[in-house]
Amino acid sequence: MSAPPELDPVIHAQARLRVMATLATLADCDRITFPRLQDILQMTAGNLSVHLRKLEDAGYVEIVKTHHGRTPATLVGLTTRGRLAFEEYTSAVRALLDPVPTTEPPAPTREQP
């Protein structure tokens, strides 16, 4: 029997998993505004910022600070590395929940008299 798959500890924290799952719904190279992400996840700005920083440090998200006219805007999106890490994470979770059956031979059956 093989060892169970490892779960990425950066993604595994509940709040970061929610962030990654939400960002994974965006198309490649798409970004969402910080306030919109905060609203969807119903997290405080400080809490979301802390988790985004951890994901950014791991190279999983990209945070771009820009302006829309004179208004500052913070955009958040998954990096290619982040998308791959999330796909690997979800595959590992699926493998834990639905392991592949072992290739043991079937148990012998008894014949009925």
PDB file of N, CA and C in Angstrom:
ATOM      1  N   MET A   1       0.854  -1.175   0.000  1.00  0.00           N
ATOM      2  CA  MET A   1       0.000   0.000   0.000  1.00  0.00           C
ATOM      3  C   MET A   1       0.898   1.235   0.000  1.00  0.00           C
ATOM      4  N   SER A   2       0.581   2.194  -0.829  1.00  0.00           N
ATOM      5  CA  SER A   2       1.401   3.400  -0.912  1.00  0.00           C
ATOM      6  C   SER A   2       0.950   4.417   0.135  1.00  0.00           C
ATOM      7  N   ALA A   3       1.849   5.332   0.434  1.00  0.00           N
ATOM      8  CA  ALA A   3       1.551   6.374   1.415  1.00  0.00           C
ATOM      9  C   ALA A   3       0.489   7.313   0.855  1.00  0.00           C
ATOM     10  N   PRO A   4      -0.340   7.856   1.732  1.00  0.00           N
ATOM     11  CA  PRO A   4      -1.343   8.809   1.235  1.00  0.00           C
ATOM     12  C   PRO A   4      -0.655  10.049   0.679  1.00  0.00           C
ATOM     13  N   PRO A   5      -1.300  10.712  -0.275  1.00  0.00           N
ATOM     14  CA  PRO A   5      -0.681  11.907  -0.860  1.00  0.00           C
ATOM     15  C   PRO A   5      -0.562  13.032   0.161  1.00  0.00           C
ATOM     16  N   GLU A   6       0.476  13.836  -0.011  1.00  0.00           N
ATOM     17  CA  GLU A   6       0.686  14.997   0.854  1.00  0.00           C
ATOM     18  C   GLU A   6      -0.239  16.129   0.399  1.00  0.00           C
ATOM     19  N   LEU A   7      -0.766  16.859   1.367  1.00  0.00           N
ATOM     20  CA  LEU A   7      -1.577  18.038   1.069  1.00  0.00           C
ATOM     21  C   LEU A   7      -0.719  19.270   1.286  1.00  0.00           C
ATOM     22  N   ASP A   8      -0.731  20.174   0.320  1.00  0.00           N
ATOM     23  CA  ASP A   8       0.055  21.405   0.390  1.00  0.00           C
ATOM     24  C   ASP A   8      -0.380  22.209   1.605  1.00  0.00           C
ATOM     25  N   PRO A   9       0.504  22.407   2.595  1.00  0.00           N
ATOM     26  CA  PRO A   9       0.108  23.126   3.808  1.00  0.00           C
ATOM     27  C   PRO A   9      -0.223  24.597   3.560  1.00  0.00           C
ATOM     28  N   VAL A  10       0.309  25.183   2.511  1.00  0.00           N
ATOM     29  CA  VAL A  10      -0.009  26.584   2.207  1.00  0.00           C
ATOM     30  C   VAL A  10      -1.474  26.697   1.794  1.00  0.00           C
ATOM     31  N   ILE A  11      -1.954  25.751   1.024  1.00  0.00           N
ATOM     32  CA  ILE A  11      -3.342  25.778   0.545  1.00  0.00           C
ATOM     33  C   ILE A  11      -4.291  25.200   1.586  1.00  0.00           C
ATOM     34  N   HIS A  12      -3.823  24.254   2.391  1.00  0.00           N
ATOM     35  CA  HIS A  12      -4.706  23.469   3.252  1.00  0.00           C
ATOM     36  C   HIS A  12      -5.431  24.271   4.326  1.00  0.00           C
ATOM     37  N   ALA A  13      -4.890  25.387   4.761  1.00  0.00           N
ATOM     38  CA  ALA A  13      -5.600  26.214   5.746  1.00  0.00           C
ATOM     39  C   ALA A  13      -6.946  26.617   5.159  1.00  0.00           C
ATOM     40  N   GLN A  14      -7.999  26.509   5.947  1.00  0.00           N
ATOM     41  CA  GLN A  14      -9.351  26.706   5.428  1.00  0.00           C
ATOM     42  C   GLN A  14      -9.523  28.020   4.666  1.00  0.00           C
ATOM     43  N   ALA A  15      -9.073  29.112   5.215  1.00  0.00           N
ATOM     44  CA  ALA A  15      -9.258  30.407   4.555  1.00  0.00           C
ATOM     45  C   ALA A  15      -8.513  30.458   3.220  1.00  0.00           C
ATOM     46  N   ARG A  16      -7.281  29.934   3.196  1.00  0.00           N
ATOM     47  CA  ARG A  16      -6.508  29.950   1.946  1.00  0.00           C
ATOM     48  C   ARG A  16      -7.100  28.994   0.918  1.00  0.00           C
ATOM     49  N   LEU A  17      -7.649  27.894   1.379  1.00  0.00           N
ATOM     50  CA  LEU A  17      -8.330  26.978   0.461  1.00  0.00           C
ATOM     51  C   LEU A  17      -9.532  27.666  -0.181  1.00  0.00           C
ATOM     52  N   ARG A  18     -10.277  28.427   0.600  1.00  0.00           N
ATOM     53  CA  ARG A  18     -11.420  29.170   0.059  1.00  0.00           C
ATOM     54  C   ARG A  18     -10.960  30.217  -0.957  1.00  0.00           C
ATOM     55  N   VAL A  19      -9.855  30.900  -0.655  1.00  0.00           N
ATOM     56  CA  VAL A  19      -9.312  31.898  -1.582  1.00  0.00           C
ATOM     57  C   VAL A  19      -8.920  31.212  -2.890  1.00  0.00           C
ATOM     58  N   MET A  20      -8.170  30.125  -2.790  1.00  0.00           N
ATOM     59  CA  MET A  20      -7.697  29.425  -3.989  1.00  0.00           C
ATOM     60  C   MET A  20      -8.867  28.886  -4.809  1.00  0.00           C
ATOM     61  N   ALA A  21      -9.863  28.314  -4.135  1.00  0.00           N
ATOM     62  CA  ALA A  21     -11.021  27.769  -4.853  1.00  0.00           C
ATOM     63  C   ALA A  21     -11.774  28.882  -5.592  1.00  0.00           C
ATOM     64  N   THR A  22     -11.882  30.031  -4.968  1.00  0.00           N
ATOM     65  CA  THR A  22     -12.569  31.155  -5.607  1.00  0.00           C
ATOM     66  C   THR A  22     -11.770  31.665  -6.799  1.00  0.00           C
ATOM     67  N   LEU A  23     -10.460  31.849  -6.623  1.00  0.00           N
ATOM     68  CA  LEU A  23      -9.632  32.354  -7.720  1.00  0.00           C
ATOM     69  C   LEU A  23      -9.535  31.348  -8.867  1.00  0.00           C
ATOM     70  N   ALA A  24      -9.634  30.064  -8.550  1.00  0.00           N
ATOM     71  CA  ALA A  24      -9.552  29.026  -9.590  1.00  0.00           C
ATOM     72  C   ALA A  24     -10.745  29.068 -10.533  1.00  0.00           C
ATOM     73  N   THR A  25     -11.834  29.718 -10.123  1.00  0.00           N
ATOM     74  CA  THR A  25     -12.999  29.825 -11.009  1.00  0.00           C
ATOM     75  C   THR A  25     -12.792  30.868 -12.101  1.00  0.00           C
ATOM     76  N   LEU A  26     -11.780  31.733 -11.915  1.00  0.00           N
ATOM     77  CA  LEU A  26     -11.476  32.746 -12.924  1.00  0.00           C
ATOM     78  C   LEU A  26     -10.732  32.109 -14.090  1.00  0.00           C
ATOM     79  N   ALA A  27     -10.891  32.662 -15.256  1.00  0.00           N
ATOM     80  CA  ALA A  27     -10.125  32.199 -16.413  1.00  0.00           C
ATOM     81  C   ALA A  27      -8.656  32.561 -16.218  1.00  0.00           C
ATOM     82  N   ASP A  28      -7.780  31.857 -16.921  1.00  0.00           N
ATOM     83  CA  ASP A  28      -6.350  32.176 -16.846  1.00  0.00           C
ATOM     84  C   ASP A  28      -6.146  33.665 -17.099  1.00  0.00           C
ATOM     85  N   CYS A  29      -5.284  34.262 -16.335  1.00  0.00           N
ATOM     86  CA  CYS A  29      -4.903  35.680 -16.454  1.00  0.00           C
ATOM     87  C   CYS A  29      -5.994  36.653 -16.019  1.00  0.00           C
ATOM     88  N   ASP A  30      -7.157  36.176 -15.601  1.00  0.00           N
ATOM     89  CA  ASP A  30      -8.184  37.081 -15.083  1.00  0.00           C
ATOM     90  C   ASP A  30      -7.860  37.409 -13.633  1.00  0.00           C
ATOM     91  N   ARG A  31      -8.342  38.563 -13.201  1.00  0.00           N
ATOM     92  CA  ARG A  31      -8.135  39.012 -11.823  1.00  0.00           C
ATOM     93  C   ARG A  31      -9.447  39.517 -11.264  1.00  0.00           C
ATOM     94  N   ILE A  32      -9.501  39.539  -9.950  1.00  0.00           N
ATOM     95  CA  ILE A  32     -10.679  40.033  -9.250  1.00  0.00           C
ATOM     96  C   ILE A  32     -10.217  41.143  -8.306  1.00  0.00           C
ATOM     97  N   THR A  33     -11.075  42.121  -8.063  1.00  0.00           N
ATOM     98  CA  THR A  33     -10.688  43.186  -7.142  1.00  0.00           C
ATOM     99  C   THR A  33     -10.699  42.655  -5.708  1.00  0.00           C
ATOM    100  N   PHE A  34      -9.831  43.227  -4.902  1.00  0.00           N
ATOM    101  CA  PHE A  34      -9.744  42.834  -3.497  1.00  0.00           C
ATOM    102  C   PHE A  34     -11.095  42.963  -2.799  1.00  0.00           C
ATOM    103  N   PRO A  35     -11.815  44.096  -2.952  1.00  0.00           N
ATOM    104  CA  PRO A  35     -13.107  44.213  -2.261  1.00  0.00           C
ATOM    105  C   PRO A  35     -14.127  43.161  -2.714  1.00  0.00           C
ATOM    106  N   ARG A  36     -14.105  42.834  -3.999  1.00  0.00           N
ATOM    107  CA  ARG A  36     -15.042  41.807  -4.497  1.00  0.00           C
ATOM    108  C   ARG A  36     -14.698  40.449  -3.899  1.00  0.00           C
ATOM    109  N   LEU A  37     -13.414  40.102  -3.857  1.00  0.00           N
ATOM    110  CA  LEU A  37     -12.986  38.841  -3.259  1.00  0.00           C
ATOM    111  C   LEU A  37     -13.349  38.820  -1.776  1.00  0.00           C
ATOM    112  N   GLN A  38     -13.126  39.915  -1.104  1.00  0.00           N
ATOM    113  CA  GLN A  38     -13.467  40.037   0.316  1.00  0.00           C
ATOM    114  C   GLN A  38     -14.968  39.818   0.518  1.00  0.00           C
ATOM    115  N   ASP A  39     -15.780  40.392  -0.358  1.00  0.00           N
ATOM    116  CA  ASP A  39     -17.233  40.253  -0.270  1.00  0.00           C
ATOM    117  C   ASP A  39     -17.657  38.803  -0.514  1.00  0.00           C
ATOM    118  N   ILE A  40     -17.102  38.179  -1.532  1.00  0.00           N
ATOM    119  CA  ILE A  40     -17.459  36.790  -1.848  1.00  0.00           C
ATOM    120  C   ILE A  40     -17.116  35.869  -0.675  1.00  0.00           C
ATOM    121  N   LEU A  41     -15.930  36.053  -0.110  1.00  0.00           N
ATOM    122  CA  LEU A  41     -15.462  35.177   0.967  1.00  0.00           C
ATOM    123  C   LEU A  41     -15.964  35.585   2.345  1.00  0.00           C
ATOM    124  N   GLN A  42     -16.537  36.789   2.436  1.00  0.00           N
ATOM    125  CA  GLN A  42     -17.021  37.348   3.699  1.00  0.00           C
ATOM    126  C   GLN A  42     -15.931  37.287   4.778  1.00  0.00           C
ATOM    127  N   MET A  43     -14.776  37.821   4.404  1.00  0.00           N
ATOM    128  CA  MET A  43     -13.627  37.896   5.306  1.00  0.00           C
ATOM    129  C   MET A  43     -13.320  39.365   5.579  1.00  0.00           C
ATOM    130  N   THR A  44     -12.695  39.632   6.711  1.00  0.00           N
ATOM    131  CA  THR A  44     -12.264  41.001   6.972  1.00  0.00           C
ATOM    132  C   THR A  44     -11.079  41.320   6.058  1.00  0.00           C
ATOM    133  N   ALA A  45     -10.859  42.587   5.817  1.00  0.00           N
ATOM    134  CA  ALA A  45      -9.747  43.004   4.962  1.00  0.00           C
ATOM    135  C   ALA A  45      -8.414  42.530   5.537  1.00  0.00           C
ATOM    136  N   GLY A  46      -8.251  42.653   6.849  1.00  0.00           N
ATOM    137  CA  GLY A  46      -7.003  42.232   7.475  1.00  0.00           C
ATOM    138  C   GLY A  46      -6.762  40.736   7.361  1.00  0.00           C
ATOM    139  N   ASN A  47      -7.799  39.947   7.602  1.00  0.00           N
ATOM    140  CA  ASN A  47      -7.679  38.495   7.523  1.00  0.00           C
ATOM    141  C   ASN A  47      -7.362  38.065   6.088  1.00  0.00           C
ATOM    142  N   LEU A  48      -8.077  38.620   5.129  1.00  0.00           N
ATOM    143  CA  LEU A  48      -7.830  38.281   3.726  1.00  0.00           C
ATOM    144  C   LEU A  48      -6.421  38.687   3.322  1.00  0.00           C
ATOM    145  N   SER A  49      -5.974  39.849   3.765  1.00  0.00           N
ATOM    146  CA  SER A  49      -4.626  40.324   3.434  1.00  0.00           C
ATOM    147  C   SER A  49      -3.552  39.366   3.935  1.00  0.00           C
ATOM    148  N   VAL A  50      -3.706  38.876   5.150  1.00  0.00           N
ATOM    149  CA  VAL A  50      -2.729  37.957   5.729  1.00  0.00           C
ATOM    150  C   VAL A  50      -2.649  36.677   4.896  1.00  0.00           C
ATOM    151  N   HIS A  51      -3.791  36.139   4.531  1.00  0.00           N
ATOM    152  CA  HIS A  51      -3.802  34.892   3.760  1.00  0.00           C
ATOM    153  C   HIS A  51      -3.301  35.113   2.333  1.00  0.00           C
ATOM    154  N   LEU A  52      -3.636  36.238   1.750  1.00  0.00           N
ATOM    155  CA  LEU A  52      -3.120  36.535   0.408  1.00  0.00           C
ATOM    156  C   LEU A  52      -1.606  36.682   0.426  1.00  0.00           C
ATOM    157  N   ARG A  53      -1.067  37.260   1.492  1.00  0.00           N
ATOM    158  CA  ARG A  53       0.387  37.422   1.599  1.00  0.00           C
ATOM    159  C   ARG A  53       1.074  36.054   1.611  1.00  0.00           C
ATOM    160  N   LYS A  54       0.530  35.102   2.366  1.00  0.00           N
ATOM    161  CA  LYS A  54       1.104  33.749   2.402  1.00  0.00           C
ATOM    162  C   LYS A  54       1.045  33.101   1.021  1.00  0.00           C
ATOM    163  N   LEU A  55      -0.075  33.262   0.338  1.00  0.00           N
ATOM    164  CA  LEU A  55      -0.224  32.688  -1.000  1.00  0.00           C
ATOM    165  C   LEU A  55       0.701  33.387  -1.994  1.00  0.00           C
ATOM    166  N   GLU A  56       0.873  34.683  -1.835  1.00  0.00           N
ATOM    167  CA  GLU A  56       1.776  35.435  -2.704  1.00  0.00           C
ATOM    168  C   GLU A  56       3.226  35.018  -2.452  1.00  0.00           C
ATOM    169  N   ASP A  57       3.598  34.849  -1.193  1.00  0.00           N
ATOM    170  CA  ASP A  57       4.959  34.416  -0.849  1.00  0.00           C
ATOM    171  C   ASP A  57       5.272  33.042  -1.441  1.00  0.00           C
ATOM    172  N   ALA A  58       4.261  32.192  -1.555  1.00  0.00           N
ATOM    173  CA  ALA A  58       4.440  30.858  -2.143  1.00  0.00           C
ATOM    174  C   ALA A  58       4.449  30.913  -3.670  1.00  0.00           C
ATOM    175  N   GLY A  59       4.116  32.083  -4.235  1.00  0.00           N
ATOM    176  CA  GLY A  59       4.073  32.218  -5.690  1.00  0.00           C
ATOM    177  C   GLY A  59       2.767  31.750  -6.303  1.00  0.00           C
ATOM    178  N   TYR A  60       1.725  31.609  -5.469  1.00  0.00           N
ATOM    179  CA  TYR A  60       0.442  31.080  -5.944  1.00  0.00           C
ATOM    180  C   TYR A  60      -0.500  32.171  -6.443  1.00  0.00           C
ATOM    181  N   VAL A  61      -0.388  33.365  -5.889  1.00  0.00           N
ATOM    182  CA  VAL A  61      -1.239  34.462  -6.345  1.00  0.00           C
ATOM    183  C   VAL A  61      -0.375  35.658  -6.712  1.00  0.00           C
ATOM    184  N   GLU A  62      -0.940  36.470  -7.565  1.00  0.00           N
ATOM    185  CA  GLU A  62      -0.289  37.721  -7.948  1.00  0.00           C
ATOM    186  C   GLU A  62      -1.216  38.851  -7.524  1.00  0.00           C
ATOM    187  N   ILE A  63      -0.647  39.830  -6.862  1.00  0.00           N
ATOM    188  CA  ILE A  63      -1.407  40.994  -6.425  1.00  0.00           C
ATOM    189  C   ILE A  63      -0.864  42.204  -7.170  1.00  0.00           C
ATOM    190  N   VAL A  64      -1.754  42.878  -7.869  1.00  0.00           N
ATOM    191  CA  VAL A  64      -1.370  44.037  -8.673  1.00  0.00           C
ATOM    192  C   VAL A  64      -2.095  45.258  -8.132  1.00  0.00           C
ATOM    193  N   LYS A  65      -1.320  46.261  -7.774  1.00  0.00           N
ATOM    194  CA  LYS A  65      -1.906  47.521  -7.307  1.00  0.00           C
ATOM    195  C   LYS A  65      -1.877  48.489  -8.484  1.00  0.00           C
ATOM    196  N   THR A  66      -3.032  49.043  -8.794  1.00  0.00           N
ATOM    197  CA  THR A  66      -3.168  49.922  -9.946  1.00  0.00           C
ATOM    198  C   THR A  66      -4.157  51.032  -9.593  1.00  0.00           C
ATOM    199  N   HIS A  67      -4.558  51.774 -10.572  1.00  0.00           N
ATOM    200  CA  HIS A  67      -5.566  52.824 -10.397  1.00  0.00           C
ATOM    201  C   HIS A  67      -6.613  52.705 -11.489  1.00  0.00           C
ATOM    202  N   HIS A  68      -7.838  52.949 -11.113  1.00  0.00           N
ATOM    203  CA  HIS A  68      -8.923  53.133 -12.071  1.00  0.00           C
ATOM    204  C   HIS A  68      -9.277  54.609 -11.977  1.00  0.00           C
ATOM    205  N   GLY A  69      -8.768  55.361 -12.930  1.00  0.00           N
ATOM    206  CA  GLY A  69      -8.876  56.807 -12.815  1.00  0.00           C
ATOM    207  C   GLY A  69      -7.992  57.253 -11.668  1.00  0.00           C
ATOM    208  N   ARG A  70      -8.575  57.923 -10.705  1.00  0.00           N
ATOM    209  CA  ARG A  70      -7.808  58.361  -9.530  1.00  0.00           C
ATOM    210  C   ARG A  70      -7.987  57.424  -8.335  1.00  0.00           C
ATOM    211  N   THR A  71      -8.800  56.412  -8.512  1.00  0.00           N
ATOM    212  CA  THR A  71      -9.086  55.489  -7.409  1.00  0.00           C
ATOM    213  C   THR A  71      -8.116  54.319  -7.419  1.00  0.00           C
ATOM    214  N   PRO A  72      -7.416  54.082  -6.304  1.00  0.00           N
ATOM    215  CA  PRO A  72      -6.530  52.926  -6.248  1.00  0.00           C
ATOM    216  C   PRO A  72      -7.336  51.626  -6.285  1.00  0.00           C
ATOM    217  N   ALA A  73      -6.771  50.623  -6.919  1.00  0.00           N
ATOM    218  CA  ALA A  73      -7.424  49.315  -7.012  1.00  0.00           C
ATOM    219  C   ALA A  73      -6.385  48.224  -6.807  1.00  0.00           C
ATOM    220  N   THR A  74      -6.773  47.195  -6.080  1.00  0.00           N
ATOM    221  CA  THR A  74      -5.919  46.029  -5.869  1.00  0.00           C
ATOM    222  C   THR A  74      -6.588  44.854  -6.560  1.00  0.00           C
ATOM    223  N   LEU A  75      -5.853  44.244  -7.490  1.00  0.00           N
ATOM    224  CA  LEU A  75      -6.372  43.101  -8.244  1.00  0.00           C
ATOM    225  C   LEU A  75      -5.628  41.842  -7.820  1.00  0.00           C
ATOM    226  N   VAL A  76      -6.366  40.741  -7.742  1.00  0.00           N
ATOM    227  CA  VAL A  76      -5.808  39.473  -7.281  1.00  0.00           C
ATOM    228  C   VAL A  76      -6.125  38.395  -8.303  1.00  0.00           C
ATOM    229  N   GLY A  77      -5.136  37.575  -8.615  1.00  0.00           N
ATOM    230  CA  GLY A  77      -5.348  36.461  -9.541  1.00  0.00           C
ATOM    231  C   GLY A  77      -4.380  35.330  -9.250  1.00  0.00           C
ATOM    232  N   LEU A  78      -4.716  34.149  -9.739  1.00  0.00           N
ATOM    233  CA  LEU A  78      -3.822  32.999  -9.607  1.00  0.00           C
ATOM    234  C   LEU A  78      -2.690  33.099 -10.604  1.00  0.00           C
ATOM    235  N   THR A  79      -1.520  32.668 -10.184  1.00  0.00           N
ATOM    236  CA  THR A  79      -0.409  32.522 -11.110  1.00  0.00           C
ATOM    237  C   THR A  79      -0.526  31.146 -11.757  1.00  0.00           C
ATOM    238  N   THR A  80       0.267  30.903 -12.776  1.00  0.00           N
ATOM    239  CA  THR A  80       0.285  29.576 -13.395  1.00  0.00           C
ATOM    240  C   THR A  80       0.696  28.541 -12.355  1.00  0.00           C
ATOM    241  N   ARG A  81       1.694  28.881 -11.560  1.00  0.00           N
ATOM    242  CA  ARG A  81       2.152  27.985 -10.492  1.00  0.00           C
ATOM    243  C   ARG A  81       1.032  27.733  -9.490  1.00  0.00           C
ATOM    244  N   GLY A  82       0.273  28.764  -9.151  1.00  0.00           N
ATOM    245  CA  GLY A  82      -0.831  28.625  -8.209  1.00  0.00           C
ATOM    246  C   GLY A  82      -1.932  27.736  -8.738  1.00  0.00           C
ATOM    247  N   ARG A  83      -2.252  27.889 -10.016  1.00  0.00           N
ATOM    248  CA  ARG A  83      -3.286  27.055 -10.633  1.00  0.00           C
ATOM    249  C   ARG A  83      -2.851  25.586 -10.613  1.00  0.00           C
ATOM    250  N   LEU A  84      -1.594  25.334 -10.943  1.00  0.00           N
ATOM    251  CA  LEU A  84      -1.066  23.969 -10.928  1.00  0.00           C
ATOM    252  C   LEU A  84      -1.069  23.410  -9.500  1.00  0.00           C
ATOM    253  N   ALA A  85      -0.651  24.212  -8.528  1.00  0.00           N
ATOM    254  CA  ALA A  85      -0.641  23.772  -7.134  1.00  0.00           C
ATOM    255  C   ALA A  85      -2.049  23.432  -6.661  1.00  0.00           C
ATOM    256  N   PHE A  86      -3.039  24.221  -7.070  1.00  0.00           N
ATOM    257  CA  PHE A  86      -4.422  23.955  -6.666  1.00  0.00           C
ATOM    258  C   PHE A  86      -4.929  22.680  -7.322  1.00  0.00           C
ATOM    259  N   GLU A  87      -4.589  22.468  -8.586  1.00  0.00           N
ATOM    260  CA  GLU A  87      -4.990  21.227  -9.266  1.00  0.00           C
ATOM    261  C   GLU A  87      -4.360  20.015  -8.587  1.00  0.00           C
ATOM    262  N   GLU A  88      -3.089  20.122  -8.212  1.00  0.00           N
ATOM    263  CA  GLU A  88      -2.421  19.025  -7.506  1.00  0.00           C
ATOM    264  C   GLU A  88      -3.061  18.797  -6.134  1.00  0.00           C
ATOM    265  N   TYR A  89      -3.415  19.881  -5.456  1.00  0.00           N
ATOM    266  CA  TYR A  89      -4.055  19.776  -4.154  1.00  0.00           C
ATOM    267  C   TYR A  89      -5.395  19.058  -4.275  1.00  0.00           C
ATOM    268  N   THR A  90      -6.212  19.465  -5.241  1.00  0.00           N
ATOM    269  CA  THR A  90      -7.526  18.837  -5.386  1.00  0.00           C
ATOM    270  C   THR A  90      -7.390  17.367  -5.793  1.00  0.00           C
ATOM    271  N   SER A  91      -6.393  17.046  -6.587  1.00  0.00           N
ATOM    272  CA  SER A  91      -6.146  15.645  -6.944  1.00  0.00           C
ATOM    273  C   SER A  91      -5.754  14.835  -5.711  1.00  0.00           C
ATOM    274  N   ALA A  92      -4.932  15.418  -4.860  1.00  0.00           N
ATOM    275  CA  ALA A  92      -4.519  14.730  -3.633  1.00  0.00           C
ATOM    276  C   ALA A  92      -5.709  14.496  -2.708  1.00  0.00           C
ATOM    277  N   VAL A  93      -6.589  15.482  -2.599  1.00  0.00           N
ATOM    278  CA  VAL A  93      -7.787  15.321  -1.765  1.00  0.00           C
ATOM    279  C   VAL A  93      -8.671  14.222  -2.332  1.00  0.00           C
ATOM    280  N   ARG A  94      -8.856  14.228  -3.649  1.00  0.00           N
ATOM    281  CA  ARG A  94      -9.671  13.166  -4.275  1.00  0.00           C
ATOM    282  C   ARG A  94      -9.065  11.790  -4.024  1.00  0.00           C
ATOM    283  N   ALA A  95      -7.747  11.695  -4.101  1.00  0.00           N
ATOM    284  CA  ALA A  95      -7.074  10.415  -3.871  1.00  0.00           C
ATOM    285  C   ALA A  95      -7.265   9.956  -2.415  1.00  0.00           C
ATOM    286  N   LEU A  96      -7.293  10.896  -1.489  1.00  0.00           N
ATOM    287  CA  LEU A  96      -7.533  10.533  -0.096  1.00  0.00           C
ATOM    288  C   LEU A  96      -8.972  10.063   0.132  1.00  0.00           C
ATOM    289  N   LEU A  97      -9.907  10.721  -0.545  1.00  0.00           N
ATOM    290  CA  LEU A  97     -11.322  10.407  -0.347  1.00  0.00           C
ATOM    291  C   LEU A  97     -11.777   9.182  -1.126  1.00  0.00           C
ATOM    292  N   ASP A  98     -11.141   8.931  -2.249  1.00  0.00           N
ATOM    293  CA  ASP A  98     -11.547   7.820  -3.107  1.00  0.00           C
ATOM    294  C   ASP A  98     -10.305   7.071  -3.574  1.00  0.00           C
ATOM    295  N   PRO A  99      -9.641   6.373  -2.651  1.00  0.00           N
ATOM    296  CA  PRO A  99      -8.394   5.713  -3.028  1.00  0.00           C
ATOM    297  C   PRO A  99      -8.628   4.622  -4.069  1.00  0.00           C
ATOM    298  N   VAL A 100      -7.618   4.401  -4.876  1.00  0.00           N
ATOM    299  CA  VAL A 100      -7.674   3.360  -5.889  1.00  0.00           C
ATOM    300  C   VAL A 100      -7.638   2.019  -5.171  1.00  0.00           C
ATOM    301  N   PRO A 101      -8.516   1.097  -5.535  1.00  0.00           N
ATOM    302  CA  PRO A 101      -8.500  -0.197  -4.860  1.00  0.00           C
ATOM    303  C   PRO A 101      -7.167  -0.905  -5.090  1.00  0.00           C
ATOM    304  N   THR A 102      -6.742  -1.647  -4.081  1.00  0.00           N
ATOM    305  CA  THR A 102      -5.498  -2.397  -4.212  1.00  0.00           C
ATOM    306  C   THR A 102      -5.690  -3.536  -5.199  1.00  0.00           C
ATOM    307  N   THR A 103      -4.604  -4.084  -5.670  1.00  0.00           N
ATOM    308  CA  THR A 103      -4.679  -5.147  -6.668  1.00  0.00           C
ATOM    309  C   THR A 103      -4.549  -6.523  -6.016  1.00  0.00           C
ATOM    310  N   GLU A 104      -5.112  -6.656  -4.810  1.00  0.00           N
ATOM    311  CA  GLU A 104      -5.100  -7.942  -4.135  1.00  0.00           C
ATOM    312  C   GLU A 104      -6.054  -8.888  -4.861  1.00  0.00           C
ATOM    313  N   PRO A 105      -5.692 -10.180  -4.902  1.00  0.00           N
ATOM    314  CA  PRO A 105      -6.590 -11.130  -5.556  1.00  0.00           C
ATOM    315  C   PRO A 105      -7.883 -11.245  -4.759  1.00  0.00           C
ATOM    316  N   PRO A 106      -8.979 -11.538  -5.431  1.00  0.00           N
ATOM    317  CA  PRO A 106     -10.251 -11.675  -4.717  1.00  0.00           C
ATOM    318  C   PRO A 106     -10.207 -12.849  -3.749  1.00  0.00           C
ATOM    319  N   ALA A 107     -10.941 -12.728  -2.680  1.00  0.00           N
ATOM    320  CA  ALA A 107     -11.013 -13.815  -1.697  1.00  0.00           C
ATOM    321  C   ALA A 107     -11.694 -15.017  -2.318  1.00  0.00           C
ATOM    322  N   PRO A 108     -11.243 -16.214  -1.968  1.00  0.00           N
ATOM    323  CA  PRO A 108     -11.887 -17.408  -2.544  1.00  0.00           C
ATOM    324  C   PRO A 108     -13.330 -17.503  -2.071  1.00  0.00           C
ATOM    325  N   THR A 109     -14.152 -17.985  -2.931  1.00  0.00           N
ATOM    326  CA  THR A 109     -15.574 -18.155  -2.596  1.00  0.00           C
ATOM    327  C   THR A 109     -15.827 -19.598  -2.248  1.00  0.00           C
ATOM    328  N   ARG A 110     -16.770 -19.815  -1.373  1.00  0.00           N
ATOM    329  CA  ARG A 110     -17.161 -21.167  -0.992  1.00  0.00           C
ATOM    330  C   ARG A 110     -18.304 -21.616  -1.875  1.00  0.00           C
ATOM    331  N   GLU A 111     -18.230 -22.836  -2.235  1.00  0.00           N
ATOM    332  CA  GLU A 111     -19.334 -23.398  -3.030  1.00  0.00           C
ATOM    333  C   GLU A 111     -20.457 -23.789  -2.092  1.00  0.00           C
ATOM    334  N   GLN A 112     -21.664 -23.550  -2.511  1.00  0.00           N
ATOM    335  CA  GLN A 112     -22.847 -23.909  -1.717  1.00  0.00           C
ATOM    336  C   GLN A 112     -23.149 -25.375  -1.945  1.00  0.00           C
ATOM    337  N   PRO A 113     -23.495 -26.133  -0.873  1.00  0.00           N
ATOM    338  CA  PRO A 113     -23.847 -27.552  -1.076  1.00  0.00           C
ATOM    339  C   PRO A 113     -25.174 -27.751  -1.743  1.00  0.00           C
TER     340      PRO A 113
END
